[in-house]
N, C-alpha and C. Protein backbone atom coordinates (compact mmCIF):
# COMPACT_ATOMS: atom_id res chain seq x y z
N ALA A 1 116.81 124.94 107.70
CA ALA A 1 116.72 123.70 108.43
C ALA A 1 117.60 123.73 109.69
N ARG A 2 118.78 124.31 109.56
CA ARG A 2 119.67 124.37 110.73
C ARG A 2 119.11 125.26 111.82
N ALA A 3 118.50 126.36 111.42
CA ALA A 3 117.91 127.26 112.42
C ALA A 3 116.79 126.56 113.17
N VAL A 4 115.98 125.80 112.45
CA VAL A 4 114.89 125.06 113.09
C VAL A 4 115.46 124.03 114.05
N GLY A 5 116.46 123.30 113.61
CA GLY A 5 117.09 122.30 114.48
C GLY A 5 117.68 122.90 115.73
N THR A 6 118.32 124.04 115.59
CA THR A 6 118.89 124.73 116.75
C THR A 6 117.81 125.17 117.72
N ALA A 7 116.74 125.74 117.19
CA ALA A 7 115.64 126.19 118.05
C ALA A 7 115.01 125.01 118.78
N LEU A 8 114.83 123.90 118.09
CA LEU A 8 114.22 122.73 118.72
C LEU A 8 115.14 122.13 119.78
N ARG A 9 116.43 122.08 119.49
CA ARG A 9 117.39 121.52 120.44
C ARG A 9 117.45 122.35 121.72
N ARG A 10 117.22 123.65 121.59
CA ARG A 10 117.28 124.55 122.76
C ARG A 10 115.92 124.74 123.43
N ASN A 11 114.92 124.02 123.00
CA ASN A 11 113.57 124.14 123.53
C ASN A 11 113.57 123.81 125.03
N PRO A 12 113.32 124.80 125.90
CA PRO A 12 113.37 124.55 127.34
C PRO A 12 112.10 123.90 127.89
N VAL A 13 111.03 123.89 127.12
CA VAL A 13 109.75 123.35 127.60
C VAL A 13 109.14 122.42 126.54
N PRO A 14 109.73 121.24 126.31
CA PRO A 14 109.24 120.36 125.25
C PRO A 14 107.82 119.84 125.47
N ILE A 15 107.34 119.88 126.69
CA ILE A 15 105.95 119.45 126.93
C ILE A 15 104.99 120.51 126.39
N LEU A 16 105.34 121.78 126.53
CA LEU A 16 104.48 122.87 126.03
C LEU A 16 104.70 123.15 124.55
N VAL A 17 105.92 122.99 124.08
CA VAL A 17 106.25 123.20 122.67
C VAL A 17 106.67 121.82 122.14
N PRO A 18 105.73 121.07 121.57
CA PRO A 18 105.97 119.67 121.21
C PRO A 18 106.86 119.51 119.97
N CYS A 19 108.16 119.66 120.16
CA CYS A 19 109.09 119.60 119.03
C CYS A 19 109.17 118.21 118.40
N HIS A 20 108.68 117.17 119.07
CA HIS A 20 108.71 115.84 118.48
C HIS A 20 107.80 115.74 117.25
N ARG A 21 106.92 116.71 117.07
CA ARG A 21 106.00 116.69 115.92
C ARG A 21 106.63 117.23 114.64
N VAL A 22 107.82 117.80 114.74
CA VAL A 22 108.48 118.36 113.56
C VAL A 22 109.14 117.22 112.78
N LEU A 23 108.79 117.13 111.49
CA LEU A 23 109.34 116.10 110.63
C LEU A 23 110.32 116.72 109.64
N ALA A 24 111.20 115.89 109.10
CA ALA A 24 112.17 116.34 108.11
C ALA A 24 111.50 116.42 106.74
N ALA A 25 112.25 116.87 105.76
CA ALA A 25 111.74 116.98 104.39
C ALA A 25 111.20 115.64 103.92
N GLY A 26 110.11 115.68 103.19
CA GLY A 26 109.52 114.47 102.63
C GLY A 26 108.79 113.62 103.65
N GLY A 27 108.60 114.13 104.87
CA GLY A 27 107.87 113.38 105.87
C GLY A 27 108.72 112.39 106.65
N ARG A 28 110.03 112.41 106.45
CA ARG A 28 110.90 111.52 107.23
C ARG A 28 110.89 111.96 108.68
N ILE A 29 111.24 111.04 109.56
CA ILE A 29 111.15 111.32 110.99
C ILE A 29 112.18 112.35 111.45
N GLY A 30 113.32 112.44 110.80
CA GLY A 30 114.32 113.44 111.17
C GLY A 30 115.04 113.10 112.46
N GLY A 31 115.60 114.09 113.12
CA GLY A 31 116.35 113.86 114.35
C GLY A 31 115.56 114.21 115.59
N PHE A 32 116.17 113.91 116.74
CA PHE A 32 115.53 114.21 118.03
C PHE A 32 116.61 114.18 119.09
N SER A 33 116.86 115.32 119.73
CA SER A 33 117.97 115.41 120.68
C SER A 33 117.58 115.12 122.13
N ALA A 34 116.32 114.86 122.39
CA ALA A 34 115.88 114.55 123.76
C ALA A 34 116.40 113.17 124.18
N PRO A 35 116.42 112.90 125.48
CA PRO A 35 116.85 111.57 125.94
C PRO A 35 116.06 110.47 125.25
N GLY A 36 116.76 109.46 124.79
CA GLY A 36 116.12 108.36 124.08
C GLY A 36 116.15 108.54 122.57
N GLY A 37 116.50 109.74 122.11
CA GLY A 37 116.65 110.00 120.68
C GLY A 37 115.43 109.64 119.85
N LEU A 38 115.70 109.05 118.70
CA LEU A 38 114.62 108.74 117.76
C LEU A 38 113.62 107.72 118.30
N ASP A 39 114.08 106.81 119.16
CA ASP A 39 113.14 105.85 119.75
C ASP A 39 112.08 106.59 120.57
N SER A 40 112.50 107.59 121.33
CA SER A 40 111.54 108.39 122.10
C SER A 40 110.60 109.14 121.18
N LYS A 41 111.14 109.71 120.10
CA LYS A 41 110.31 110.46 119.16
C LYS A 41 109.26 109.54 118.53
N ARG A 42 109.68 108.35 118.12
CA ARG A 42 108.72 107.40 117.53
C ARG A 42 107.63 107.03 118.53
N ARG A 43 108.01 106.80 119.79
CA ARG A 43 107.00 106.44 120.80
C ARG A 43 106.01 107.58 121.04
N LEU A 44 106.52 108.81 121.13
CA LEU A 44 105.63 109.96 121.33
C LEU A 44 104.67 110.12 120.15
N LEU A 45 105.19 109.99 118.94
CA LEU A 45 104.34 110.12 117.76
C LEU A 45 103.31 108.99 117.70
N ALA A 46 103.72 107.78 118.06
CA ALA A 46 102.78 106.65 118.06
C ALA A 46 101.66 106.88 119.07
N LEU A 47 101.99 107.44 120.24
CA LEU A 47 100.97 107.73 121.24
C LEU A 47 99.93 108.73 120.71
N GLU A 48 100.37 109.57 119.77
CA GLU A 48 99.47 110.57 119.19
C GLU A 48 98.79 110.07 117.92
N GLY A 49 99.03 108.81 117.56
CA GLY A 49 98.35 108.23 116.41
C GLY A 49 99.07 108.35 115.08
N TRP A 50 100.33 108.78 115.08
CA TRP A 50 101.09 108.90 113.84
C TRP A 50 101.48 107.52 113.35
N GLU A 51 101.33 107.28 112.06
CA GLU A 51 101.70 106.00 111.47
C GLU A 51 102.91 106.20 110.57
N ALA A 52 103.96 105.45 110.82
CA ALA A 52 105.20 105.61 110.06
C ALA A 52 105.00 105.34 108.57
N GLU A 53 104.08 104.48 108.22
CA GLU A 53 103.87 104.13 106.83
C GLU A 53 103.02 105.14 106.08
N ALA A 54 102.33 106.00 106.81
CA ALA A 54 101.44 106.97 106.17
C ALA A 54 102.26 108.02 105.42
N PRO A 55 101.93 108.26 104.15
CA PRO A 55 102.67 109.30 103.42
C PRO A 55 102.36 110.68 104.01
N VAL A 56 103.36 111.50 104.11
CA VAL A 56 103.21 112.84 104.66
C VAL A 56 103.57 113.84 103.58
N ARG A 57 102.70 114.79 103.32
CA ARG A 57 102.98 115.84 102.34
C ARG A 57 103.05 117.16 103.10
N PRO A 58 104.19 117.86 103.00
CA PRO A 58 104.29 119.15 103.68
C PRO A 58 103.22 120.13 103.21
N VAL A 59 102.79 121.00 104.08
CA VAL A 59 101.79 122.01 103.73
C VAL A 59 102.32 122.84 102.56
N GLY A 60 101.48 123.00 101.54
CA GLY A 60 101.86 123.80 100.38
C GLY A 60 102.67 123.05 99.35
N ALA A 61 102.93 121.76 99.56
CA ALA A 61 103.72 120.98 98.60
C ALA A 61 102.90 120.69 97.35
N ALA A 62 103.57 120.59 96.23
CA ALA A 62 102.90 120.26 94.97
C ALA A 62 102.38 118.84 95.03
N ARG A 63 101.30 118.61 94.36
CA ARG A 63 100.71 117.25 94.35
C ARG A 63 101.35 116.38 93.33
């Protein structure tokens, strides 16, 4: 998790590599180091149709 966070924080091209789409364990929104922090992340996800109430299951997770 720390390696992923470090890579995302150092992302020089967030428009091309959309790090705002990365969620924390269990589908939580997690962190966001870009200007505006989590508010910006929520707005970007909402623009893409993400619903905060929708349950998220990680790929390969047990049912």
